[in-house]
Amino acid sequence: MDLGLVHMPLYAALTTAFLTVMQVVLMFRVIGMRGQAEVLIGTDGNEALELRQRVHGNFIENVPTFLIGLALIELIVGSTLWVAALAGVFVVSRIAHAVGLGMSSGVTPGRLVGTLGTMISMVVAAGYLTYLVVDKL
C-alpha cells in the first residue's frame, strides 16, 4: 500500500460532526413528540409523530453511506475544494429535506430540492470513488 495516498479526512470529519448534531436535533424532535403524545413505541396513529419519525428515518437511511464515501474519497485525494463542495451540497440538501418533509408529507420545495441534492451528491460521490479506485488498480 502506498502510504502517500492516505490523507486526513478533514472535510469528512467536519461534515460528520455537523450531521451528528443534526441527527441529535431530529432525535429530540421525535422524543419530544413522543412525550406530548404519550407514545413510547411506534406512533399509535399519531400523524405528527409519524412525520417526525419519518424525517429522522430518512436522514438515517442516507447519511451513513454518503459519509463513508466522502471519507474514502478524501482519504484518497486529500482535502480538496471539490470534496468540500460535495459535502456542502449534501449538508444543505439534508437540511432542506428535513425542513420540507417536516412541513408536510406531500411534495414541498424543500423536500424536492433535498431529495435531488442528496441523490445527486451520492451518485457523484459513488462515481468519483469508483473512478479513483479503478484508476489505482
N, C-alpha and C. Protein backbone atom coordinates (compact mmCIF):
# COMPACT_ATOMS: atom_id res chain seq x y z
N MET A 1 0.84 -1.18 0.00
CA MET A 1 0.00 0.00 0.00
C MET A 1 0.88 1.24 0.00
N ASP A 2 0.55 2.15 -0.87
CA ASP A 2 1.29 3.41 -0.95
C ASP A 2 0.75 4.36 0.10
N LEU A 3 1.49 4.55 1.19
CA LEU A 3 1.03 5.41 2.27
C LEU A 3 0.94 6.87 1.87
N GLY A 4 1.52 7.22 0.75
CA GLY A 4 1.43 8.59 0.25
C GLY A 4 0.01 8.94 -0.19
N LEU A 5 -0.84 7.94 -0.39
CA LEU A 5 -2.21 8.18 -0.82
C LEU A 5 -3.14 8.52 0.35
N VAL A 6 -2.72 8.27 1.58
CA VAL A 6 -3.60 8.46 2.72
C VAL A 6 -3.51 9.89 3.25
N HIS A 7 -4.65 10.53 3.35
CA HIS A 7 -4.74 11.90 3.84
C HIS A 7 -5.70 11.94 5.02
N MET A 8 -5.59 12.96 5.83
CA MET A 8 -6.55 13.13 6.92
C MET A 8 -7.86 13.66 6.34
N PRO A 9 -8.96 12.99 6.58
CA PRO A 9 -10.25 13.41 6.00
C PRO A 9 -10.89 14.55 6.81
N LEU A 10 -10.35 15.74 6.68
CA LEU A 10 -10.80 16.88 7.48
C LEU A 10 -12.22 17.32 7.13
N TYR A 11 -12.52 17.41 5.84
CA TYR A 11 -13.87 17.83 5.44
C TYR A 11 -14.90 16.76 5.82
N ALA A 12 -14.53 15.51 5.66
CA ALA A 12 -15.45 14.43 6.05
C ALA A 12 -15.68 14.46 7.56
N ALA A 13 -14.65 14.74 8.32
CA ALA A 13 -14.79 14.82 9.77
C ALA A 13 -15.70 15.98 10.17
N LEU A 14 -15.51 17.14 9.55
CA LEU A 14 -16.34 18.29 9.85
C LEU A 14 -17.79 18.05 9.44
N THR A 15 -17.98 17.44 8.28
CA THR A 15 -19.32 17.10 7.81
C THR A 15 -19.98 16.12 8.77
N THR A 16 -19.23 15.13 9.22
CA THR A 16 -19.75 14.15 10.18
C THR A 16 -20.17 14.84 11.47
N ALA A 17 -19.35 15.76 11.96
CA ALA A 17 -19.68 16.47 13.20
C ALA A 17 -20.99 17.24 13.04
N PHE A 18 -21.13 17.96 11.95
CA PHE A 18 -22.36 18.74 11.73
C PHE A 18 -23.57 17.83 11.62
N LEU A 19 -23.45 16.77 10.82
CA LEU A 19 -24.59 15.87 10.62
C LEU A 19 -24.93 15.09 11.89
N THR A 20 -23.95 14.85 12.75
CA THR A 20 -24.23 14.20 14.03
C THR A 20 -25.10 15.11 14.90
N VAL A 21 -24.76 16.38 14.94
CA VAL A 21 -25.58 17.34 15.70
C VAL A 21 -26.99 17.41 15.10
N MET A 22 -27.06 17.42 13.79
CA MET A 22 -28.37 17.46 13.14
C MET A 22 -29.19 16.22 13.49
N GLN A 23 -28.55 15.06 13.54
CA GLN A 23 -29.26 13.84 13.91
C GLN A 23 -29.79 13.93 15.33
N VAL A 24 -29.01 14.47 16.24
CA VAL A 24 -29.46 14.62 17.63
C VAL A 24 -30.67 15.55 17.69
N VAL A 25 -30.65 16.62 16.92
CA VAL A 25 -31.81 17.53 16.87
C VAL A 25 -33.05 16.78 16.39
N LEU A 26 -32.90 16.00 15.33
CA LEU A 26 -34.03 15.23 14.81
C LEU A 26 -34.52 14.21 15.83
N MET A 27 -33.58 13.59 16.56
CA MET A 27 -33.96 12.63 17.61
C MET A 27 -34.78 13.32 18.70
N PHE A 28 -34.32 14.50 19.14
CA PHE A 28 -35.04 15.22 20.18
C PHE A 28 -36.44 15.63 19.73
N ARG A 29 -36.58 15.93 18.44
CA ARG A 29 -37.90 16.27 17.93
C ARG A 29 -38.85 15.07 18.03
N VAL A 30 -38.34 13.88 17.74
CA VAL A 30 -39.15 12.66 17.87
C VAL A 30 -39.46 12.40 19.34
N ILE A 31 -38.44 12.49 20.19
CA ILE A 31 -38.62 12.24 21.62
C ILE A 31 -39.64 13.22 22.21
N GLY A 32 -39.53 14.49 21.84
CA GLY A 32 -40.47 15.49 22.34
C GLY A 32 -41.90 15.19 21.94
N MET A 33 -42.07 14.78 20.70
CA MET A 33 -43.42 14.46 20.22
C MET A 33 -43.94 13.20 20.91
N ARG A 34 -43.06 12.25 21.17
CA ARG A 34 -43.47 11.04 21.89
C ARG A 34 -44.00 11.42 23.28
N GLY A 35 -43.30 12.34 23.95
CA GLY A 35 -43.74 12.78 25.27
C GLY A 35 -45.10 13.46 25.21
N GLN A 36 -45.28 14.33 24.22
CA GLN A 36 -46.57 15.03 24.07
C GLN A 36 -47.71 14.06 23.78
N ALA A 37 -47.42 13.07 22.93
CA ALA A 37 -48.45 12.13 22.51
C ALA A 37 -48.59 10.96 23.48
N GLU A 38 -47.66 10.85 24.43
CA GLU A 38 -47.63 9.74 25.38
C GLU A 38 -47.58 8.39 24.66
N VAL A 39 -46.68 8.32 23.66
CA VAL A 39 -46.49 7.10 22.89
C VAL A 39 -45.02 6.71 23.01
N LEU A 40 -44.75 5.56 23.62
CA LEU A 40 -43.37 5.13 23.83
C LEU A 40 -42.82 4.29 22.68
N ILE A 41 -43.67 3.50 22.05
CA ILE A 41 -43.25 2.63 20.95
C ILE A 41 -44.19 2.86 19.77
N GLY A 42 -43.61 2.93 18.55
CA GLY A 42 -44.43 3.14 17.37
C GLY A 42 -44.98 4.55 17.33
N THR A 43 -46.11 4.72 16.66
CA THR A 43 -46.71 6.06 16.53
C THR A 43 -48.14 6.11 17.04
N ASP A 44 -48.77 4.95 17.26
CA ASP A 44 -50.15 4.88 17.74
C ASP A 44 -51.07 5.72 16.85
N GLY A 45 -50.75 5.80 15.57
CA GLY A 45 -51.60 6.53 14.63
C GLY A 45 -51.46 8.05 14.68
N ASN A 46 -50.51 8.55 15.45
CA ASN A 46 -50.30 9.99 15.57
C ASN A 46 -49.54 10.47 14.33
N GLU A 47 -50.22 11.24 13.48
CA GLU A 47 -49.62 11.67 12.20
C GLU A 47 -48.41 12.57 12.39
N ALA A 48 -48.44 13.45 13.37
CA ALA A 48 -47.30 14.35 13.62
C ALA A 48 -46.08 13.54 14.06
N LEU A 49 -46.31 12.53 14.89
CA LEU A 49 -45.21 11.67 15.33
C LEU A 49 -44.68 10.85 14.16
N GLU A 50 -45.58 10.33 13.33
CA GLU A 50 -45.16 9.57 12.15
C GLU A 50 -44.28 10.42 11.24
N LEU A 51 -44.67 11.68 11.05
CA LEU A 51 -43.91 12.57 10.18
C LEU A 51 -42.52 12.84 10.75
N ARG A 52 -42.43 13.15 12.04
CA ARG A 52 -41.12 13.38 12.66
C ARG A 52 -40.26 12.13 12.63
N GLN A 53 -40.88 10.99 12.85
CA GLN A 53 -40.14 9.73 12.81
C GLN A 53 -39.62 9.48 11.40
N ARG A 54 -40.42 9.83 10.40
CA ARG A 54 -40.02 9.62 9.01
C ARG A 54 -38.87 10.55 8.62
N VAL A 55 -38.91 11.80 9.10
CA VAL A 55 -37.83 12.75 8.82
C VAL A 55 -36.52 12.19 9.38
N HIS A 56 -36.57 11.71 10.61
CA HIS A 56 -35.37 11.13 11.24
C HIS A 56 -34.95 9.86 10.50
N GLY A 57 -35.91 9.01 10.15
CA GLY A 57 -35.60 7.77 9.45
C GLY A 57 -34.95 8.01 8.10
N ASN A 58 -35.46 8.97 7.35
CA ASN A 58 -34.89 9.26 6.05
C ASN A 58 -33.45 9.76 6.19
N PHE A 59 -33.21 10.56 7.20
CA PHE A 59 -31.86 11.04 7.49
C PHE A 59 -30.92 9.86 7.72
N ILE A 60 -31.35 8.94 8.58
CA ILE A 60 -30.54 7.77 8.93
C ILE A 60 -30.32 6.86 7.72
N GLU A 61 -31.26 6.81 6.81
CA GLU A 61 -31.13 5.96 5.63
C GLU A 61 -30.08 6.47 4.65
N ASN A 62 -29.83 7.76 4.63
CA ASN A 62 -28.96 8.33 3.61
C ASN A 62 -27.59 8.79 4.09
N VAL A 63 -27.51 9.29 5.29
CA VAL A 63 -26.28 9.92 5.76
C VAL A 63 -25.09 8.96 5.90
N PRO A 64 -25.25 7.80 6.53
CA PRO A 64 -24.06 6.94 6.72
C PRO A 64 -23.34 6.56 5.43
N THR A 65 -24.09 6.18 4.42
CA THR A 65 -23.47 5.78 3.15
C THR A 65 -22.69 6.92 2.53
N PHE A 66 -23.29 8.12 2.55
CA PHE A 66 -22.59 9.27 1.98
C PHE A 66 -21.31 9.57 2.76
N LEU A 67 -21.39 9.56 4.09
CA LEU A 67 -20.20 9.88 4.90
C LEU A 67 -19.07 8.88 4.68
N ILE A 68 -19.40 7.62 4.52
CA ILE A 68 -18.37 6.62 4.24
C ILE A 68 -17.70 6.94 2.90
N GLY A 69 -18.51 7.21 1.89
CA GLY A 69 -17.96 7.53 0.58
C GLY A 69 -17.12 8.79 0.60
N LEU A 70 -17.62 9.83 1.28
CA LEU A 70 -16.88 11.10 1.36
C LEU A 70 -15.53 10.89 2.05
N ALA A 71 -15.54 10.15 3.15
CA ALA A 71 -14.29 9.90 3.88
C ALA A 71 -13.30 9.12 3.02
N LEU A 72 -13.79 8.13 2.28
CA LEU A 72 -12.89 7.35 1.41
C LEU A 72 -12.33 8.22 0.29
N ILE A 73 -13.16 9.06 -0.29
CA ILE A 73 -12.66 9.97 -1.33
C ILE A 73 -11.57 10.87 -0.76
N GLU A 74 -11.84 11.43 0.40
CA GLU A 74 -10.88 12.36 0.99
C GLU A 74 -9.60 11.65 1.43
N LEU A 75 -9.71 10.41 1.86
CA LEU A 75 -8.51 9.64 2.20
C LEU A 75 -7.63 9.41 0.97
N ILE A 76 -8.26 9.28 -0.17
CA ILE A 76 -7.51 9.02 -1.41
C ILE A 76 -6.95 10.30 -2.01
N VAL A 77 -7.78 11.35 -2.13
CA VAL A 77 -7.34 12.56 -2.85
C VAL A 77 -6.95 13.72 -1.95
N GLY A 78 -7.30 13.65 -0.68
CA GLY A 78 -6.98 14.75 0.21
C GLY A 78 -8.12 15.73 0.35
N SER A 79 -7.90 16.75 1.15
CA SER A 79 -8.92 17.76 1.42
C SER A 79 -8.92 18.80 0.31
N THR A 80 -9.76 18.59 -0.65
CA THR A 80 -9.83 19.50 -1.79
C THR A 80 -11.11 20.32 -1.74
N LEU A 81 -11.14 21.38 -2.50
CA LEU A 81 -12.34 22.20 -2.61
C LEU A 81 -13.49 21.37 -3.16
N TRP A 82 -13.18 20.43 -4.04
CA TRP A 82 -14.19 19.57 -4.64
C TRP A 82 -14.86 18.72 -3.56
N VAL A 83 -14.08 18.18 -2.64
CA VAL A 83 -14.63 17.37 -1.54
C VAL A 83 -15.50 18.26 -0.65
N ALA A 84 -15.02 19.45 -0.36
CA ALA A 84 -15.78 20.39 0.47
C ALA A 84 -17.10 20.76 -0.19
N ALA A 85 -17.09 20.99 -1.49
CA ALA A 85 -18.30 21.35 -2.22
C ALA A 85 -19.31 20.20 -2.20
N LEU A 86 -18.82 18.99 -2.40
CA LEU A 86 -19.69 17.81 -2.37
C LEU A 86 -20.34 17.67 -1.00
N ALA A 87 -19.55 17.85 0.05
CA ALA A 87 -20.07 17.79 1.41
C ALA A 87 -21.09 18.90 1.64
N GLY A 88 -20.79 20.10 1.16
CA GLY A 88 -21.70 21.24 1.33
C GLY A 88 -23.04 21.01 0.66
N VAL A 89 -23.03 20.50 -0.55
CA VAL A 89 -24.28 20.21 -1.25
C VAL A 89 -25.09 19.18 -0.48
N PHE A 90 -24.43 18.17 0.03
CA PHE A 90 -25.13 17.12 0.77
C PHE A 90 -25.76 17.69 2.05
N VAL A 91 -24.99 18.46 2.81
CA VAL A 91 -25.50 19.03 4.07
C VAL A 91 -26.69 19.95 3.81
N VAL A 92 -26.57 20.84 2.85
CA VAL A 92 -27.68 21.75 2.52
C VAL A 92 -28.90 20.94 2.07
N SER A 93 -28.67 19.90 1.32
CA SER A 93 -29.76 19.04 0.84
C SER A 93 -30.47 18.35 2.00
N ARG A 94 -29.69 17.86 2.97
CA ARG A 94 -30.31 17.18 4.12
C ARG A 94 -31.11 18.17 4.96
N ILE A 95 -30.62 19.38 5.11
CA ILE A 95 -31.37 20.40 5.86
C ILE A 95 -32.67 20.72 5.11
N ALA A 96 -32.56 20.95 3.81
CA ALA A 96 -33.75 21.27 3.00
C ALA A 96 -34.77 20.14 3.07
N HIS A 97 -34.30 18.91 3.00
CA HIS A 97 -35.21 17.76 3.05
C HIS A 97 -35.91 17.67 4.40
N ALA A 98 -35.15 17.82 5.48
CA ALA A 98 -35.74 17.73 6.82
C ALA A 98 -36.78 18.82 7.04
N VAL A 99 -36.47 20.03 6.61
CA VAL A 99 -37.41 21.14 6.76
C VAL A 99 -38.64 20.89 5.88
N GLY A 100 -38.41 20.52 4.63
CA GLY A 100 -39.51 20.31 3.69
C GLY A 100 -40.43 19.18 4.10
N LEU A 101 -39.86 18.04 4.48
CA LEU A 101 -40.68 16.90 4.90
C LEU A 101 -41.32 17.18 6.26
N GLY A 102 -40.63 17.93 7.10
CA GLY A 102 -41.19 18.29 8.40
C GLY A 102 -42.42 19.17 8.29
N MET A 103 -42.54 19.90 7.20
CA MET A 103 -43.69 20.79 6.99
C MET A 103 -44.91 20.02 6.48
N SER A 104 -44.67 19.02 5.64
CA SER A 104 -45.78 18.30 5.02
C SER A 104 -45.27 16.98 4.46
N SER A 105 -46.13 15.96 4.49
CA SER A 105 -45.74 14.67 3.91
C SER A 105 -45.90 14.68 2.39
N GLY A 106 -46.45 15.76 1.86
CA GLY A 106 -46.59 15.91 0.42
C GLY A 106 -45.32 16.49 -0.18
N VAL A 107 -45.41 16.84 -1.46
CA VAL A 107 -44.25 17.42 -2.15
C VAL A 107 -44.13 18.89 -1.75
N THR A 108 -42.96 19.25 -1.24
CA THR A 108 -42.67 20.64 -0.90
C THR A 108 -41.37 21.01 -1.62
N PRO A 109 -41.13 22.29 -1.84
CA PRO A 109 -39.87 22.68 -2.49
C PRO A 109 -38.64 22.17 -1.74
N GLY A 110 -38.67 22.27 -0.41
CA GLY A 110 -37.53 21.79 0.38
C GLY A 110 -37.31 20.31 0.23
N ARG A 111 -38.39 19.56 0.24
CA ARG A 111 -38.28 18.11 0.09
C ARG A 111 -37.75 17.75 -1.29
N LEU A 112 -38.24 18.42 -2.31
CA LEU A 112 -37.79 18.16 -3.68
C LEU A 112 -36.32 18.50 -3.85
N VAL A 113 -35.93 19.70 -3.43
CA VAL A 113 -34.53 20.12 -3.53
C VAL A 113 -33.64 19.19 -2.69
N GLY A 114 -34.11 18.86 -1.50
CA GLY A 114 -33.33 18.00 -0.61
C GLY A 114 -33.14 16.61 -1.19
N THR A 115 -34.19 16.05 -1.76
CA THR A 115 -34.10 14.71 -2.35
C THR A 115 -33.16 14.71 -3.55
N LEU A 116 -33.34 15.68 -4.45
CA LEU A 116 -32.49 15.73 -5.64
C LEU A 116 -31.03 15.99 -5.27
N GLY A 117 -30.79 16.93 -4.36
CA GLY A 117 -29.42 17.22 -3.94
C GLY A 117 -28.75 16.04 -3.27
N THR A 118 -29.51 15.33 -2.44
CA THR A 118 -28.98 14.14 -1.77
C THR A 118 -28.62 13.07 -2.80
N MET A 119 -29.55 12.80 -3.71
CA MET A 119 -29.31 11.76 -4.72
C MET A 119 -28.13 12.12 -5.62
N ILE A 120 -28.09 13.37 -6.07
CA ILE A 120 -27.02 13.78 -6.97
C ILE A 120 -25.67 13.69 -6.27
N SER A 121 -25.58 14.18 -5.04
CA SER A 121 -24.28 14.13 -4.36
C SER A 121 -23.88 12.69 -4.06
N MET A 122 -24.83 11.81 -3.77
CA MET A 122 -24.49 10.41 -3.53
C MET A 122 -24.01 9.72 -4.82
N VAL A 123 -24.68 10.00 -5.93
CA VAL A 123 -24.28 9.39 -7.21
C VAL A 123 -22.92 9.93 -7.65
N VAL A 124 -22.70 11.23 -7.50
CA VAL A 124 -21.41 11.82 -7.86
C VAL A 124 -20.30 11.23 -6.98
N ALA A 125 -20.55 11.12 -5.68
CA ALA A 125 -19.55 10.53 -4.78
C ALA A 125 -19.25 9.09 -5.17
N ALA A 126 -20.28 8.32 -5.46
CA ALA A 126 -20.08 6.92 -5.85
C ALA A 126 -19.31 6.82 -7.17
N GLY A 127 -19.67 7.65 -8.12
CA GLY A 127 -18.97 7.63 -9.40
C GLY A 127 -17.51 8.04 -9.27
N TYR A 128 -17.26 9.09 -8.52
CA TYR A 128 -15.89 9.57 -8.33
C TYR A 128 -15.06 8.55 -7.56
N LEU A 129 -15.65 7.96 -6.55
CA LEU A 129 -14.95 6.93 -5.77
C LEU A 129 -14.62 5.73 -6.66
N THR A 130 -15.55 5.33 -7.49
CA THR A 130 -15.30 4.22 -8.42
C THR A 130 -14.16 4.57 -9.37
N TYR A 131 -14.19 5.78 -9.92
CA TYR A 131 -13.12 6.23 -10.81
C TYR A 131 -11.77 6.18 -10.11
N LEU A 132 -11.71 6.69 -8.89
CA LEU A 132 -10.44 6.73 -8.14
C LEU A 132 -9.89 5.33 -7.88
N VAL A 133 -10.79 4.43 -7.51
CA VAL A 133 -10.35 3.06 -7.19
C VAL A 133 -9.91 2.33 -8.46
N VAL A 134 -10.70 2.42 -9.52
CA VAL A 134 -10.35 1.75 -10.77
C VAL A 134 -9.02 2.29 -11.31
N ASP A 135 -8.81 3.59 -11.17
CA ASP A 135 -7.57 4.21 -11.62
C ASP A 135 -6.36 3.68 -10.86
N LYS A 136 -6.55 3.25 -9.60
CA LYS A 136 -5.44 2.76 -8.78
C LYS A 136 -5.19 1.26 -8.96
N LEU A 137 -6.13 0.55 -9.58
CA LEU A 137 -5.98 -0.92 -9.74
C LEU A 137 -4.92 -1.28 -10.74
